[in-house]
């Protein structure tokens, strides 16, 4: 049996993208806390619907790794319906092993509705209460990538954590989803302590660490450094914090000599060839590409140069997977990158 390079563990879903025509967005003065608004009690016209199978944080990461040349698999749960069959076939077509997909009769496959307006989306989510069970692979994968799982999956995640503890040769990348962040880092301490790489965005880091507002004063760089130090204190060796179109930051605790925050790198985004079409999956593309680069033996600065390219490509298409690049195509973009597209120490 060939060793799996990259095993993603996370829920799989079907996304129905509904392209809205008549809506408006209302934000505060800082363009934060935005709300999507439509007429209440009315008929709302839309342009079209596009259904995308076999997506979600875990499947997106698995497909990204496969496109980049890794032996990739997904561990996930589906219902016993036609949507579940469609997810399996789509996953296979994308070059990802389906050996660790559990199918549950009497359950529906996760189905989300994506309200898509301009270049952003609001997702209506419903995770089925699957009877999750962990299937330990016969041969340990090189890397495991744990990400978004349903609210009833805590015991399942504790099983995964115990398995990882018994197998220190496996490296872990952890990109928590909403329910995992809501559970609190104390309940999932095993993942934070065990993580070779940890991913989240700036707002998610604030939510996880629950830092008082007075500690979040200062410039963006000062705030990010505080967040990175706080995340390292939970255990991850490499901390990556993204900030959407404003770039991303990474730190390796091994460069500190103390296990805390080491050198902090900033990476700008890759220039968009045209305005983003739809932003679903940009974060997954970044995190999975960064991880895949390390699996392939690249350094952290090299991984930081790879990751934004896949994010740029994904937002040019509908859905989280269509724009994911092969390694050959990614390297072509990298070769043609502008001179200022380099990571910088801050």
Protein backbone atom coordinates (compact mmCIF):
# COMPACT_ATOMS: atom_id res chain seq x y z
CA UNK A 1 0.00 0.00 0.00
CA UNK A 2 1.41 3.36 -1.04
CA UNK A 3 1.80 5.76 1.87
CA UNK A 4 -0.64 8.67 1.96
CA UNK A 5 1.17 12.00 1.90
CA UNK A 6 -1.80 14.10 2.93
CA UNK A 7 -4.90 12.86 4.79
CA UNK A 8 -7.54 15.55 5.23
CA UNK A 9 -10.17 15.03 7.95
CA UNK A 10 -13.25 17.23 7.74
CA UNK A 11 -16.89 17.40 6.70
CA UNK A 12 -17.87 17.16 3.05
CA UNK A 13 -20.76 19.21 1.66
CA UNK A 14 -22.58 20.16 -1.51
CA UNK A 15 -22.76 23.91 -2.14
CA UNK A 16 -25.60 25.44 -4.15
CA UNK A 17 -24.41 28.87 -5.29
CA UNK A 18 -27.33 31.28 -5.74
CA UNK A 19 -26.21 34.36 -7.65
CA UNK A 20 -28.30 37.26 -6.29
CA UNK A 21 -29.34 40.30 -8.33
CA UNK A 22 -31.22 42.56 -5.95
CA UNK A 23 -29.52 42.96 -2.59
CA UNK A 24 -27.45 45.51 -0.67
CA UNK A 25 -24.63 45.40 1.86
CA UNK A 26 -24.59 47.55 4.99
CA UNK A 27 -21.41 47.96 7.08
CA UNK A 28 -20.13 50.17 9.86
CA UNK A 29 -17.75 53.03 9.14
CA UNK A 30 -14.74 50.67 9.17
CA UNK A 31 -16.33 48.28 6.66
CA UNK A 32 -16.70 45.70 9.45
CA UNK A 33 -19.77 43.84 10.72
CA UNK A 34 -21.38 43.89 7.28
CA UNK A 35 -24.91 42.63 6.66
CA UNK A 36 -26.46 41.31 3.46
CA UNK A 37 -29.92 42.84 3.05
CA UNK A 38 -32.88 41.89 0.84
CA UNK A 39 -36.51 42.86 0.79
CA UNK A 40 -38.44 41.01 3.50
CA UNK A 41 -41.58 39.07 2.50
CA UNK A 42 -40.91 39.62 -1.20
CA UNK A 43 -39.89 37.57 -4.24
CA UNK A 44 -36.14 38.03 -4.76
CA UNK A 45 -34.87 37.52 -8.33
CA UNK A 46 -31.59 35.68 -8.84
CA UNK A 47 -29.38 35.19 -11.90
CA UNK A 48 -28.59 31.46 -11.73
CA UNK A 49 -27.78 28.54 -9.43
CA UNK A 50 -24.67 26.39 -9.72
CA UNK A 51 -24.36 23.24 -7.62
CA UNK A 52 -20.83 22.16 -6.63
CA UNK A 53 -20.31 18.70 -5.13
CA UNK A 54 -17.72 17.36 -2.67
CA UNK A 55 -16.50 20.62 -1.15
CA UNK A 56 -15.84 21.78 2.41
CA UNK A 57 -12.61 22.68 4.19
CA UNK A 58 -11.31 19.10 4.27
CA UNK A 59 -12.19 18.05 0.72
CA UNK A 60 -10.92 21.38 -0.64
CA UNK A 61 -7.57 20.78 1.06
CA UNK A 62 -7.39 17.19 -0.20
CA UNK A 63 -8.02 18.26 -3.81
CA UNK A 64 -5.47 21.07 -3.49
CA UNK A 65 -2.82 18.60 -2.30
CA UNK A 66 -3.66 16.14 -5.09
CA UNK A 67 -3.36 18.84 -7.77
CA UNK A 68 0.06 19.74 -6.39
CA UNK A 69 1.25 16.16 -6.82
CA UNK A 70 0.73 14.56 -3.40
CA UNK A 71 -0.91 11.19 -2.69
CA UNK A 72 -4.04 12.60 -1.07
CA UNK A 73 -7.03 11.14 0.78
CA UNK A 74 -10.10 12.41 2.60
CA UNK A 75 -11.67 11.03 5.79
CA UNK A 76 -15.25 12.24 5.96
CA UNK A 77 -18.91 11.23 6.37
CA UNK A 78 -21.76 11.25 3.86
CA UNK A 79 -25.40 10.22 3.77
CA UNK A 80 -26.85 7.24 1.97
CA UNK A 81 -28.44 9.45 -0.68
CA UNK A 82 -27.65 10.36 -4.29
CA UNK A 83 -25.80 13.46 -3.11
CA UNK A 84 -23.43 11.19 -1.20
CA UNK A 85 -22.80 9.10 -4.34
CA UNK A 86 -22.13 12.30 -6.27
CA UNK A 87 -19.58 13.40 -3.65
CA UNK A 88 -17.72 10.09 -3.92
CA UNK A 89 -17.56 10.24 -7.72
CA UNK A 90 -16.47 13.88 -7.74
CA UNK A 91 -13.76 13.18 -5.17
CA UNK A 92 -12.43 10.27 -7.23
CA UNK A 93 -12.36 12.40 -10.38
CA UNK A 94 -10.23 14.92 -8.50
CA UNK A 95 -7.59 12.29 -7.79
CA UNK A 96 -8.34 11.93 -4.06
CA UNK A 97 -8.68 8.54 -2.37
CA UNK A 98 -12.19 7.82 -1.04
CA UNK A 99 -11.15 4.81 1.08
CA UNK A 100 -11.88 6.62 4.33
CA UNK A 101 -15.34 7.96 3.46
CA UNK A 102 -18.05 6.60 5.79
CA UNK A 103 -21.54 6.29 4.34
CA UNK A 104 -24.57 6.38 6.66
CA UNK A 105 -27.95 4.99 5.63
CA UNK A 106 -30.88 7.08 6.80
CA UNK A 107 -28.81 10.28 6.78
CA UNK A 108 -28.64 13.05 4.21
CA UNK A 109 -25.37 14.41 2.86
CA UNK A 110 -24.56 17.94 4.06
CA UNK A 111 -26.10 20.50 1.70
CA UNK A 112 -25.41 24.24 2.00
CA UNK A 113 -26.91 27.25 0.23
CA UNK A 114 -24.49 30.00 -0.77
CA UNK A 115 -26.02 33.46 -1.19
CA UNK A 116 -23.57 35.02 -3.62
CA UNK A 117 -23.65 38.80 -4.10
CA UNK A 118 -20.91 40.75 -5.87
CA UNK A 119 -17.64 38.94 -4.98
CA UNK A 120 -18.65 37.77 -1.50
CA UNK A 121 -20.91 35.05 -0.15
CA UNK A 122 -23.08 34.29 2.86
CA UNK A 123 -23.49 30.55 3.48
CA UNK A 124 -26.56 28.90 5.00
CA UNK A 125 -25.13 25.81 6.71
CA UNK A 126 -26.61 22.64 8.21
CA UNK A 127 -24.36 19.81 9.36
CA UNK A 128 -25.98 16.40 9.74
CA UNK A 129 -25.51 14.67 13.10
CA UNK A 130 -23.52 11.77 11.70
CA UNK A 131 -22.42 8.97 14.07
CA UNK A 132 -18.78 9.84 13.45
CA UNK A 133 -16.26 7.03 13.84
CA UNK A 134 -12.52 7.18 13.38
CA UNK A 135 -10.88 4.68 11.01
CA UNK A 136 -7.16 4.51 11.69
CA UNK A 137 -5.30 3.91 8.41
CA UNK A 138 -3.31 0.67 8.26
CA UNK A 139 -0.24 2.62 7.20
CA UNK A 140 0.35 5.98 8.82
CA UNK A 141 0.06 9.00 6.53
CA UNK A 142 2.94 11.47 6.44
CA UNK A 143 0.67 14.41 7.28
CA UNK A 144 -2.85 14.77 8.66
CA UNK A 145 -4.84 17.94 8.01
CA UNK A 146 -7.69 18.37 10.52
CA UNK A 147 -10.32 20.98 9.81
CA UNK A 148 -14.06 21.78 10.02
CA UNK A 149 -16.31 19.11 11.60
CA UNK A 150 -19.87 19.12 12.92
CA UNK A 151 -20.89 20.28 16.40
CA UNK A 152 -21.48 16.69 17.61
CA UNK A 153 -18.00 15.48 16.63
CA UNK A 154 -16.07 16.21 19.85
CA UNK A 155 -15.64 12.55 20.87
CA UNK A 156 -14.58 11.72 17.32
CA UNK A 157 -11.96 14.45 17.45
CA UNK A 158 -10.70 13.19 20.80
CA UNK A 159 -10.24 9.76 19.15
CA UNK A 160 -8.19 11.40 16.41
CA UNK A 161 -6.15 13.27 19.00
CA UNK A 162 -5.41 10.06 20.92
CA UNK A 163 -4.35 8.32 17.70
CA UNK A 164 -2.01 11.19 16.82
CA UNK A 165 -0.52 11.05 20.32
CA UNK A 166 0.31 7.37 19.80
CA UNK A 167 1.86 8.09 16.40
CA UNK A 168 4.39 10.91 16.80
CA UNK A 169 5.79 10.27 13.31
CA UNK A 170 2.66 11.82 11.78
CA UNK A 171 2.77 15.58 11.30
CA UNK A 172 -0.40 17.57 11.94
CA UNK A 173 -1.79 20.67 10.24
CA UNK A 174 -4.77 22.15 12.09
CA UNK A 175 -7.21 24.60 10.50
CA UNK A 176 -10.17 24.76 12.92
CA UNK A 177 -13.67 25.38 11.66
CA UNK A 178 -16.47 27.30 13.36
CA UNK A 179 -17.64 24.51 15.69
CA UNK A 180 -14.05 23.69 16.69
CA UNK A 181 -13.37 27.32 17.59
CA UNK A 182 -16.66 27.53 19.49
CA UNK A 183 -15.68 24.43 21.50
CA UNK A 184 -12.69 26.34 22.87
CA UNK A 185 -9.00 25.54 22.68
CA UNK A 186 -9.12 23.84 26.09
CA UNK A 187 -11.28 20.96 24.81
CA UNK A 188 -9.12 20.54 21.71
CA UNK A 189 -5.82 21.18 23.46
CA UNK A 190 -4.38 17.97 21.97
CA UNK A 191 -4.58 19.45 18.47
CA UNK A 192 -3.07 22.80 19.41
CA UNK A 193 -0.21 21.18 21.32
CA UNK A 194 0.42 18.61 18.58
CA UNK A 195 0.16 20.91 15.55
CA UNK A 196 3.17 21.31 13.31
CA UNK A 197 1.21 24.08 11.56
CA UNK A 198 -1.81 26.04 12.75
CA UNK A 199 -3.96 28.23 10.48
CA UNK A 200 -6.59 30.89 11.15
CA UNK A 201 -7.34 34.47 10.18
CA UNK A 202 -6.92 37.58 12.33
CA UNK A 203 -10.49 37.69 13.61
CA UNK A 204 -10.50 33.97 14.35
CA UNK A 205 -7.26 34.31 16.35
CA UNK A 206 -8.88 37.01 18.48
CA UNK A 207 -11.90 34.76 19.05
CA UNK A 208 -9.79 31.72 19.99
CA UNK A 209 -7.50 33.61 22.37
CA UNK A 210 -10.24 35.82 23.86
CA UNK A 211 -7.76 38.63 24.34
CA UNK A 212 -9.11 41.75 26.07
CA UNK A 213 -9.68 44.74 23.80
CA UNK A 214 -7.03 46.77 25.60
CA UNK A 215 -4.39 44.19 24.57
CA UNK A 216 -5.41 44.58 20.93
CA UNK A 217 -4.29 48.20 20.65
CA UNK A 218 -1.47 49.30 18.37
CA UNK A 219 -0.68 48.88 14.70
CA UNK A 220 -1.83 45.87 12.69
CA UNK A 221 1.67 44.38 12.85
CA UNK A 222 1.80 44.81 16.63
CA UNK A 223 -1.61 43.16 17.03
CA UNK A 224 -0.64 40.27 14.75
CA UNK A 225 2.57 39.68 16.69
CA UNK A 226 0.55 39.48 19.92
CA UNK A 227 -1.85 37.01 18.30
CA UNK A 228 0.99 34.88 16.95
CA UNK A 229 2.66 34.79 20.38
CA UNK A 230 -0.67 33.79 21.95
CA UNK A 231 -1.19 30.99 19.43
CA UNK A 232 2.36 29.67 19.91
CA UNK A 233 1.68 29.54 23.66
CA UNK A 234 -1.05 26.96 22.93
CA UNK A 235 1.52 24.68 21.31
CA UNK A 236 1.74 24.96 17.50
CA UNK A 237 5.26 25.06 16.08
CA UNK A 238 4.35 27.10 13.01
CA UNK A 239 1.57 29.68 13.23
CA UNK A 240 0.04 31.17 10.08
CA UNK A 241 -2.46 34.02 10.40
CA UNK A 242 -4.13 35.33 7.26
CA UNK A 243 -5.75 38.71 6.74
CA UNK A 244 -7.69 38.32 3.51
CA UNK A 245 -6.63 40.66 0.70
CA UNK A 246 -4.20 42.38 3.11
CA UNK A 247 -1.78 39.43 3.12
CA UNK A 248 -0.64 36.79 5.62
CA UNK A 249 1.83 36.26 8.45
CA UNK A 250 3.81 33.21 9.59
CA UNK A 251 6.10 32.42 12.50
CA UNK A 252 8.22 29.37 13.38
CA UNK A 253 8.82 28.81 17.11
CA UNK A 254 12.03 26.91 16.36
CA UNK A 255 13.67 30.21 15.42
CA UNK A 256 12.97 31.72 18.85
CA UNK A 257 15.08 29.42 20.98
CA UNK A 258 12.37 29.52 23.66
CA UNK A 259 9.44 27.81 21.92
CA UNK A 260 7.55 31.09 21.61
CA UNK A 261 7.08 33.35 18.62
CA UNK A 262 10.16 33.45 16.45
CA UNK A 263 10.80 35.38 13.28
CA UNK A 264 7.55 36.74 11.86
CA UNK A 265 7.19 36.88 8.10
CA UNK A 266 4.67 38.92 6.12
CA UNK A 267 3.55 37.87 2.65
CA UNK A 268 1.48 40.08 0.33
CA UNK A 269 -1.23 38.66 -1.90
CA UNK A 270 -0.48 37.64 -5.48
CA UNK A 271 -1.83 40.23 -7.95
CA UNK A 272 -5.28 39.34 -9.29
CA UNK A 273 -5.36 39.07 -13.10
CA UNK A 274 -8.89 40.50 -12.90
CA UNK A 275 -11.27 41.36 -10.03
CA UNK A 276 -12.23 38.32 -7.89
CA UNK A 277 -15.34 36.56 -9.12
CA UNK A 278 -16.27 34.67 -5.94
CA UNK A 279 -14.17 34.24 -2.77
CA UNK A 280 -15.25 30.82 -1.45
CA UNK A 281 -12.26 28.61 -0.64
CA UNK A 282 -9.52 31.24 -0.69
CA UNK A 283 -8.52 30.42 2.89
CA UNK A 284 -8.57 26.67 2.25
CA UNK A 285 -6.43 27.13 -0.84
CA UNK A 286 -3.88 29.16 1.14
CA UNK A 287 -3.63 26.77 4.10
CA UNK A 288 -3.56 23.56 2.07
CA UNK A 289 -1.01 24.91 -0.41
CA UNK A 290 1.24 26.13 2.40
CA UNK A 291 1.05 22.67 3.97
CA UNK A 292 1.62 20.86 0.68
CA UNK A 293 4.71 22.98 0.03
CA UNK A 294 6.19 21.87 3.38
CA UNK A 295 5.29 18.24 2.63
CA UNK A 296 7.23 18.65 -0.63
CA UNK A 297 10.27 19.87 1.31
CA UNK A 298 9.93 23.63 0.80
CA UNK A 299 10.93 26.19 3.42
CA UNK A 300 8.45 28.48 5.20
CA UNK A 301 9.35 31.50 3.00
CA UNK A 302 8.89 29.33 -0.10
CA UNK A 303 5.55 28.02 1.20
CA UNK A 304 4.43 31.61 1.78
CA UNK A 305 5.12 32.37 -1.88
CA UNK A 306 3.18 29.32 -3.08
CA UNK A 307 0.04 29.75 -0.99
CA UNK A 308 -1.32 33.13 -2.20
CA UNK A 309 -1.05 32.00 -5.83
CA UNK A 310 -3.62 29.24 -5.33
CA UNK A 311 -5.86 31.64 -3.40
CA UNK A 312 -5.67 34.12 -6.27
CA UNK A 313 -6.61 31.42 -8.77
CA UNK A 314 -9.51 30.03 -6.73
CA UNK A 315 -11.32 33.39 -6.44
CA UNK A 316 -11.41 33.65 -10.23
CA UNK A 317 -13.86 30.72 -10.42
CA UNK A 318 -17.13 29.56 -8.82
CA UNK A 319 -16.54 27.32 -5.82
CA UNK A 320 -13.49 26.30 -3.85
CA UNK A 321 -11.91 23.73 -6.18
CA UNK A 322 -12.25 24.67 -9.83
CA UNK A 323 -9.40 27.19 -9.69
CA UNK A 324 -6.94 25.00 -7.76
CA UNK A 325 -3.68 24.75 -9.67
CA UNK A 326 -1.29 21.99 -10.62
CA UNK A 327 2.25 22.42 -9.36
CA UNK A 328 3.42 23.15 -12.89
CA UNK A 329 0.93 25.98 -13.33
CA UNK A 330 1.62 27.39 -9.85
CA UNK A 331 5.35 27.52 -10.55
CA UNK A 332 4.63 29.30 -13.82
CA UNK A 333 2.77 32.03 -11.90
CA UNK A 334 5.63 32.18 -9.41
CA UNK A 335 8.17 32.61 -12.19
CA UNK A 336 6.19 35.57 -13.52
CA UNK A 337 5.56 37.18 -10.11
CA UNK A 338 6.38 40.89 -9.69
CA UNK A 339 9.62 41.78 -7.91
CA UNK A 340 7.79 42.89 -4.74
CA UNK A 341 6.11 39.48 -4.35
CA UNK A 342 8.45 38.25 -1.61
CA UNK A 343 8.06 37.46 2.12
CA UNK A 344 9.49 40.07 4.46
CA UNK A 345 10.50 39.84 8.11
CA UNK A 346 8.62 42.27 10.34
